Amino acid sequence: MALTEERKQQYVADGGTKCPYCESHDIEGSFVEINVGSGHQRVRCAGCGKVWTDFYELIDMEEDEETGDGKD
């Protein structure tokens, strides 16, 4: 099955929870490689064997209250 722009958009809208090719929920991602403000991860579907790359973007941050006064 070909990956259409509509299927890509639906995959992203669904939060990457099922294969954009065969719609199987049996997908597995490798480690996430982090760069400045972004990251990416290879993902494989056990249902159809397709492999693709998910891309991530830093959208927010929150202070961790357990870090104390911020002095290192």
PDB file of N, CA and C in Angstrom:
ATOM      1  N   MET A   1       0.843  -1.178   0.000  1.00  0.00           N
ATOM      2  CA  MET A   1       0.000   0.000   0.000  1.00  0.00           C
ATOM      3  C   MET A   1       0.891   1.245   0.000  1.00  0.00           C
ATOM      4  N   ALA A   2       0.585   2.195  -0.846  1.00  0.00           N
ATOM      5  CA  ALA A   2       1.361   3.425  -0.956  1.00  0.00           C
ATOM      6  C   ALA A   2       1.029   4.368   0.198  1.00  0.00           C
ATOM      7  N   LEU A   3       2.012   5.118   0.618  1.00  0.00           N
ATOM      8  CA  LEU A   3       1.818   6.083   1.701  1.00  0.00           C
ATOM      9  C   LEU A   3       1.418   7.424   1.106  1.00  0.00           C
ATOM     10  N   THR A   4       0.177   7.800   1.305  1.00  0.00           N
ATOM     11  CA  THR A   4      -0.329   9.072   0.792  1.00  0.00           C
ATOM     12  C   THR A   4      -0.099  10.170   1.827  1.00  0.00           C
ATOM     13  N   GLU A   5      -0.184  11.407   1.391  1.00  0.00           N
ATOM     14  CA  GLU A   5      -0.061  12.545   2.306  1.00  0.00           C
ATOM     15  C   GLU A   5      -1.158  12.492   3.371  1.00  0.00           C
ATOM     16  N   GLU A   6      -2.350  12.065   2.979  1.00  0.00           N
ATOM     17  CA  GLU A   6      -3.459  11.939   3.925  1.00  0.00           C
ATOM     18  C   GLU A   6      -3.137  10.915   5.020  1.00  0.00           C
ATOM     19  N   ARG A   7      -2.550   9.771   4.643  1.00  0.00           N
ATOM     20  CA  ARG A   7      -2.180   8.745   5.633  1.00  0.00           C
ATOM     21  C   ARG A   7      -1.090   9.268   6.566  1.00  0.00           C
ATOM     22  N   LYS A   8      -0.131  10.010   6.023  1.00  0.00           N
ATOM     23  CA  LYS A   8       0.924  10.601   6.863  1.00  0.00           C
ATOM     24  C   LYS A   8       0.319  11.557   7.883  1.00  0.00           C
ATOM     25  N   GLN A   9      -0.577  12.414   7.433  1.00  0.00           N
ATOM     26  CA  GLN A   9      -1.211  13.380   8.325  1.00  0.00           C
ATOM     27  C   GLN A   9      -2.044  12.675   9.397  1.00  0.00           C
ATOM     28  N   GLN A  10      -2.735  11.598   9.024  1.00  0.00           N
ATOM     29  CA  GLN A  10      -3.529  10.847   9.995  1.00  0.00           C
ATOM     30  C   GLN A  10      -2.627  10.161  11.025  1.00  0.00           C
ATOM     31  N   TYR A  11      -1.500   9.617  10.575  1.00  0.00           N
ATOM     32  CA  TYR A  11      -0.526   8.986  11.477  1.00  0.00           C
ATOM     33  C   TYR A  11      -0.055   9.989  12.527  1.00  0.00           C
ATOM     34  N   VAL A  12       0.301  11.188  12.099  1.00  0.00           N
ATOM     35  CA  VAL A  12       0.752  12.231  13.024  1.00  0.00           C
ATOM     36  C   VAL A  12      -0.384  12.651  13.951  1.00  0.00           C
ATOM     37  N   ALA A  13      -1.586  12.864  13.400  1.00  0.00           N
ATOM     38  CA  ALA A  13      -2.735  13.275  14.212  1.00  0.00           C
ATOM     39  C   ALA A  13      -3.081  12.234  15.275  1.00  0.00           C
ATOM     40  N   ASP A  14      -2.883  10.949  14.963  1.00  0.00           N
ATOM     41  CA  ASP A  14      -3.153   9.859  15.908  1.00  0.00           C
ATOM     42  C   ASP A  14      -2.019   9.647  16.907  1.00  0.00           C
ATOM     43  N   GLY A  15      -0.947  10.429  16.791  1.00  0.00           N
ATOM     44  CA  GLY A  15       0.173  10.305  17.724  1.00  0.00           C
ATOM     45  C   GLY A  15       1.101   9.157  17.417  1.00  0.00           C
ATOM     46  N   GLY A  16       1.066   8.645  16.194  1.00  0.00           N
ATOM     47  CA  GLY A  16       1.971   7.569  15.806  1.00  0.00           C
ATOM     48  C   GLY A  16       1.681   6.249  16.490  1.00  0.00           C
ATOM     49  N   THR A  17       0.425   5.948  16.715  1.00  0.00           N
ATOM     50  CA  THR A  17       0.060   4.746  17.468  1.00  0.00           C
ATOM     51  C   THR A  17      -0.181   3.508  16.608  1.00  0.00           C
ATOM     52  N   LYS A  18      -0.292   3.700  15.282  1.00  0.00           N
ATOM     53  CA  LYS A  18      -0.485   2.537  14.415  1.00  0.00           C
ATOM     54  C   LYS A  18       0.222   2.784  13.086  1.00  0.00           C
ATOM     55  N   CYS A  19       0.542   1.713  12.403  1.00  0.00           N
ATOM     56  CA  CYS A  19       1.278   1.770  11.149  1.00  0.00           C
ATOM     57  C   CYS A  19       0.516   2.602  10.109  1.00  0.00           C
ATOM     58  N   PRO A  20       1.192   3.564   9.473  1.00  0.00           N
ATOM     59  CA  PRO A  20       0.514   4.368   8.458  1.00  0.00           C
ATOM     60  C   PRO A  20       0.277   3.599   7.156  1.00  0.00           C
ATOM     61  N   TYR A  21       0.864   2.418   7.022  1.00  0.00           N
ATOM     62  CA  TYR A  21       0.696   1.598   5.815  1.00  0.00           C
ATOM     63  C   TYR A  21      -0.436   0.583   5.971  1.00  0.00           C
ATOM     64  N   CYS A  22      -0.374  -0.227   7.049  1.00  0.00           N
ATOM     65  CA  CYS A  22      -1.360  -1.308   7.205  1.00  0.00           C
ATOM     66  C   CYS A  22      -2.280  -1.116   8.410  1.00  0.00           C
ATOM     67  N   GLU A  23      -2.055  -0.080   9.205  1.00  0.00           N
ATOM     68  CA  GLU A  23      -2.842   0.274  10.387  1.00  0.00           C
ATOM     69  C   GLU A  23      -2.706  -0.704  11.554  1.00  0.00           C
ATOM     70  N   SER A  24      -1.683  -1.547  11.534  1.00  0.00           N
ATOM     71  CA  SER A  24      -1.406  -2.433  12.665  1.00  0.00           C
ATOM     72  C   SER A  24      -0.904  -1.605  13.850  1.00  0.00           C
ATOM     73  N   HIS A  25      -1.266  -2.038  15.046  1.00  0.00           N
ATOM     74  CA  HIS A  25      -0.762  -1.399  16.260  1.00  0.00           C
ATOM     75  C   HIS A  25       0.548  -2.031  16.710  1.00  0.00           C
ATOM     76  N   ASP A  26       1.021  -3.026  15.993  1.00  0.00           N
ATOM     77  CA  ASP A  26       2.241  -3.755  16.346  1.00  0.00           C
ATOM     78  C   ASP A  26       3.462  -3.066  15.730  1.00  0.00           C
ATOM     79  N   ILE A  27       3.751  -1.842  16.219  1.00  0.00           N
ATOM     80  CA  ILE A  27       4.905  -1.086  15.727  1.00  0.00           C
ATOM     81  C   ILE A  27       5.903  -0.897  16.864  1.00  0.00           C
ATOM     82  N   GLU A  28       7.162  -0.783  16.497  1.00  0.00           N
ATOM     83  CA  GLU A  28       8.223  -0.668  17.492  1.00  0.00           C
ATOM     84  C   GLU A  28       9.253   0.345  17.025  1.00  0.00           C
ATOM     85  N   GLY A  29       9.615   1.255  17.918  1.00  0.00           N
ATOM     86  CA  GLY A  29      10.599   2.272  17.596  1.00  0.00           C
ATOM     87  C   GLY A  29      11.944   1.967  18.225  1.00  0.00           C
ATOM     88  N   SER A  30      13.001   2.412  17.552  1.00  0.00           N
ATOM     89  CA  SER A  30      14.351   2.288  18.099  1.00  0.00           C
ATOM     90  C   SER A  30      14.584   3.469  19.049  1.00  0.00           C
ATOM     91  N   PHE A  31      15.818   3.675  19.455  1.00  0.00           N
ATOM     92  CA  PHE A  31      16.126   4.792  20.336  1.00  0.00           C
ATOM     93  C   PHE A  31      15.856   6.106  19.611  1.00  0.00           C
ATOM     94  N   VAL A  32      15.594   7.158  20.374  1.00  0.00           N
ATOM     95  CA  VAL A  32      15.364   8.483  19.800  1.00  0.00           C
ATOM     96  C   VAL A  32      16.687   9.231  19.809  1.00  0.00           C
ATOM     97  N   GLU A  33      17.122   9.669  18.645  1.00  0.00           N
ATOM     98  CA  GLU A  33      18.351  10.451  18.531  1.00  0.00           C
ATOM     99  C   GLU A  33      17.979  11.923  18.658  1.00  0.00           C
ATOM    100  N   ILE A  34      18.547  12.585  19.674  1.00  0.00           N
ATOM    101  CA  ILE A  34      18.207  13.966  19.977  1.00  0.00           C
ATOM    102  C   ILE A  34      19.257  14.903  19.408  1.00  0.00           C
ATOM    103  N   ASN A  35      18.777  15.956  18.746  1.00  0.00           N
ATOM    104  CA  ASN A  35      19.609  17.044  18.262  1.00  0.00           C
ATOM    105  C   ASN A  35      19.122  18.316  18.953  1.00  0.00           C
ATOM    106  N   VAL A  36      19.649  19.458  18.629  1.00  0.00           N
ATOM    107  CA  VAL A  36      19.229  20.702  19.248  1.00  0.00           C
ATOM    108  C   VAL A  36      17.781  21.015  18.841  1.00  0.00           C
ATOM    109  N   GLY A  37      16.858  20.878  19.791  1.00  0.00           N
ATOM    110  CA  GLY A  37      15.465  21.221  19.557  1.00  0.00           C
ATOM    111  C   GLY A  37      14.653  20.222  18.757  1.00  0.00           C
ATOM    112  N   SER A  38      15.255  19.093  18.364  1.00  0.00           N
ATOM    113  CA  SER A  38      14.516  18.114  17.584  1.00  0.00           C
ATOM    114  C   SER A  38      15.092  16.719  17.803  1.00  0.00           C
ATOM    115  N   GLY A  39      14.425  15.738  17.259  1.00  0.00           N
ATOM    116  CA  GLY A  39      14.899  14.365  17.351  1.00  0.00           C
ATOM    117  C   GLY A  39      14.246  13.520  16.271  1.00  0.00           C
ATOM    118  N   HIS A  40      14.754  12.304  16.115  1.00  0.00           N
ATOM    119  CA  HIS A  40      14.144  11.386  15.163  1.00  0.00           C
ATOM    120  C   HIS A  40      14.324   9.952  15.649  1.00  0.00           C
ATOM    121  N   GLN A  41      13.477   9.062  15.135  1.00  0.00           N
ATOM    122  CA  GLN A  41      13.432   7.673  15.575  1.00  0.00           C
ATOM    123  C   GLN A  41      12.998   6.783  14.414  1.00  0.00           C
ATOM    124  N   ARG A  42      13.723   5.704  14.192  1.00  0.00           N
ATOM    125  CA  ARG A  42      13.315   4.711  13.183  1.00  0.00           C
ATOM    126  C   ARG A  42      12.233   3.843  13.803  1.00  0.00           C
ATOM    127  N   VAL A  43      11.205   3.561  13.024  1.00  0.00           N
ATOM    128  CA  VAL A  43      10.070   2.768  13.488  1.00  0.00           C
ATOM    129  C   VAL A  43       9.831   1.637  12.490  1.00  0.00           C
ATOM    130  N   ARG A  44       9.476   0.460  13.015  1.00  0.00           N
ATOM    131  CA  ARG A  44       9.216  -0.707  12.170  1.00  0.00           C
ATOM    132  C   ARG A  44       7.879  -1.313  12.545  1.00  0.00           C
ATOM    133  N   CYS A  45       7.130  -1.730  11.533  1.00  0.00           N
ATOM    134  CA  CYS A  45       5.855  -2.410  11.743  1.00  0.00           C
ATOM    135  C   CYS A  45       6.074  -3.914  11.643  1.00  0.00           C
ATOM    136  N   ALA A  46       5.687  -4.637  12.685  1.00  0.00           N
ATOM    137  CA  ALA A  46       5.800  -6.097  12.663  1.00  0.00           C
ATOM    138  C   ALA A  46       4.720  -6.712  11.781  1.00  0.00           C
ATOM    139  N   GLY A  47       3.647  -5.963  11.530  1.00  0.00           N
ATOM    140  CA  GLY A  47       2.560  -6.478  10.708  1.00  0.00           C
ATOM    141  C   GLY A  47       2.900  -6.567   9.233  1.00  0.00           C
ATOM    142  N   CYS A  48       3.491  -5.502   8.678  1.00  0.00           N
ATOM    143  CA  CYS A  48       3.769  -5.475   7.240  1.00  0.00           C
ATOM    144  C   CYS A  48       5.252  -5.340   6.899  1.00  0.00           C
ATOM    145  N   GLY A  49       6.091  -5.107   7.919  1.00  0.00           N
ATOM    146  CA  GLY A  49       7.528  -5.026   7.698  1.00  0.00           C
ATOM    147  C   GLY A  49       8.037  -3.679   7.215  1.00  0.00           C
ATOM    148  N   LYS A  50       7.154  -2.695   7.035  1.00  0.00           N
ATOM    149  CA  LYS A  50       7.586  -1.369   6.595  1.00  0.00           C
ATOM    150  C   LYS A  50       8.402  -0.691   7.686  1.00  0.00           C
ATOM    151  N   VAL A  51       9.353   0.142   7.249  1.00  0.00           N
ATOM    152  CA  VAL A  51      10.201   0.909   8.160  1.00  0.00           C
ATOM    153  C   VAL A  51      10.119   2.372   7.751  1.00  0.00           C
ATOM    154  N   TRP A  52      10.060   3.273   8.735  1.00  0.00           N
ATOM    155  CA  TRP A  52      10.021   4.703   8.457  1.00  0.00           C
ATOM    156  C   TRP A  52      10.693   5.448   9.597  1.00  0.00           C
ATOM    157  N   THR A  53      10.801   6.751   9.476  1.00  0.00           N
ATOM    158  CA  THR A  53      11.422   7.591  10.495  1.00  0.00           C
ATOM    159  C   THR A  53      10.409   8.605  10.992  1.00  0.00           C
ATOM    160  N   ASP A  54      10.241   8.661  12.318  1.00  0.00           N
ATOM    161  CA  ASP A  54       9.419   9.687  12.957  1.00  0.00           C
ATOM    162  C   ASP A  54      10.331  10.855  13.320  1.00  0.00           C
ATOM    163  N   PHE A  55       9.827  12.077  13.175  1.00  0.00           N
ATOM    164  CA  PHE A  55      10.582  13.275  13.527  1.00  0.00           C
ATOM    165  C   PHE A  55       9.863  13.991  14.660  1.00  0.00           C
ATOM    166  N   TYR A  56      10.644  14.465  15.632  1.00  0.00           N
ATOM    167  CA  TYR A  56      10.103  15.121  16.818  1.00  0.00           C
ATOM    168  C   TYR A  56      10.673  16.526  16.923  1.00  0.00           C
ATOM    169  N   GLU A  57       9.889  17.407  17.579  1.00  0.00           N
ATOM    170  CA  GLU A  57      10.285  18.794  17.745  1.00  0.00           C
ATOM    171  C   GLU A  57      10.018  19.210  19.188  1.00  0.00           C
ATOM    172  N   LEU A  58      10.945  19.941  19.790  1.00  0.00           N
ATOM    173  CA  LEU A  58      10.754  20.464  21.136  1.00  0.00           C
ATOM    174  C   LEU A  58       9.634  21.496  21.099  1.00  0.00           C
ATOM    175  N   ILE A  59       8.593  21.288  21.907  1.00  0.00           N
ATOM    176  CA  ILE A  59       7.459  22.215  21.885  1.00  0.00           C
ATOM    177  C   ILE A  59       7.257  22.944  23.207  1.00  0.00           C
ATOM    178  N   ASP A  60       7.887  22.474  24.277  1.00  0.00           N
ATOM    179  CA  ASP A  60       7.693  23.109  25.576  1.00  0.00           C
ATOM    180  C   ASP A  60       8.710  22.542  26.559  1.00  0.00           C
ATOM    181  N   MET A  61       8.771  23.149  27.743  1.00  0.00           N
ATOM    182  CA  MET A  61       9.589  22.623  28.827  1.00  0.00           C
ATOM    183  C   MET A  61       8.906  22.962  30.140  1.00  0.00           C
ATOM    184  N   GLU A  62       9.271  22.220  31.162  1.00  0.00           N
ATOM    185  CA  GLU A  62       8.719  22.462  32.478  1.00  0.00           C
ATOM    186  C   GLU A  62       9.818  22.273  33.502  1.00  0.00           C
ATOM    187  N   GLU A  63       9.880  23.161  34.467  1.00  0.00           N
ATOM    188  CA  GLU A  63      10.893  23.074  35.502  1.00  0.00           C
ATOM    189  C   GLU A  63      10.634  21.861  36.393  1.00  0.00           C
ATOM    190  N   ASP A  64      11.685  21.148  36.724  1.00  0.00           N
ATOM    191  CA  ASP A  64      11.597  20.012  37.627  1.00  0.00           C
ATOM    192  C   ASP A  64      11.818  20.538  39.041  1.00  0.00           C
ATOM    193  N   GLU A  65      10.805  20.459  39.866  1.00  0.00           N
ATOM    194  CA  GLU A  65      10.881  21.024  41.209  1.00  0.00           C
ATOM    195  C   GLU A  65      11.896  20.313  42.090  1.00  0.00           C
ATOM    196  N   GLU A  66      12.324  19.107  41.712  1.00  0.00           N
ATOM    197  CA  GLU A  66      13.286  18.359  42.516  1.00  0.00           C
ATOM    198  C   GLU A  66      14.717  18.783  42.289  1.00  0.00           C
ATOM    199  N   THR A  67      14.963  19.729  41.394  1.00  0.00           N
ATOM    200  CA  THR A  67      16.339  20.118  41.082  1.00  0.00           C
ATOM    201  C   THR A  67      16.920  21.122  42.052  1.00  0.00           C
ATOM    202  N   GLY A  68      16.153  21.593  42.995  1.00  0.00           N
ATOM    203  CA  GLY A  68      16.681  22.517  43.986  1.00  0.00           C
ATOM    204  C   GLY A  68      16.702  23.946  43.501  1.00  0.00           C
ATOM    205  N   ASP A  69      17.820  24.648  43.815  1.00  0.00           N
ATOM    206  CA  ASP A  69      17.886  26.084  43.542  1.00  0.00           C
ATOM    207  C   ASP A  69      18.448  26.415  42.163  1.00  0.00           C
ATOM    208  N   GLY A  70      18.741  25.426  41.354  1.00  0.00           N
ATOM    209  CA  GLY A  70      19.243  25.684  40.006  1.00  0.00           C
ATOM    210  C   GLY A  70      20.742  25.846  39.930  1.00  0.00           C
ATOM    211  N   LYS A  71      21.443  25.778  41.057  1.00  0.00           N
ATOM    212  CA  LYS A  71      22.907  25.900  41.059  1.00  0.00           C
ATOM    213  C   LYS A  71      23.521  24.533  40.867  1.00  0.00           C
ATOM    214  N   ASP A  72      24.486  24.448  39.979  1.00  0.00           N
ATOM    215  CA  ASP A  72      25.164  23.166  39.720  1.00  0.00           C
ATOM    216  C   ASP A  72      26.437  23.058  40.504  1.00  0.00           C
TER     217      ASP A  72
END
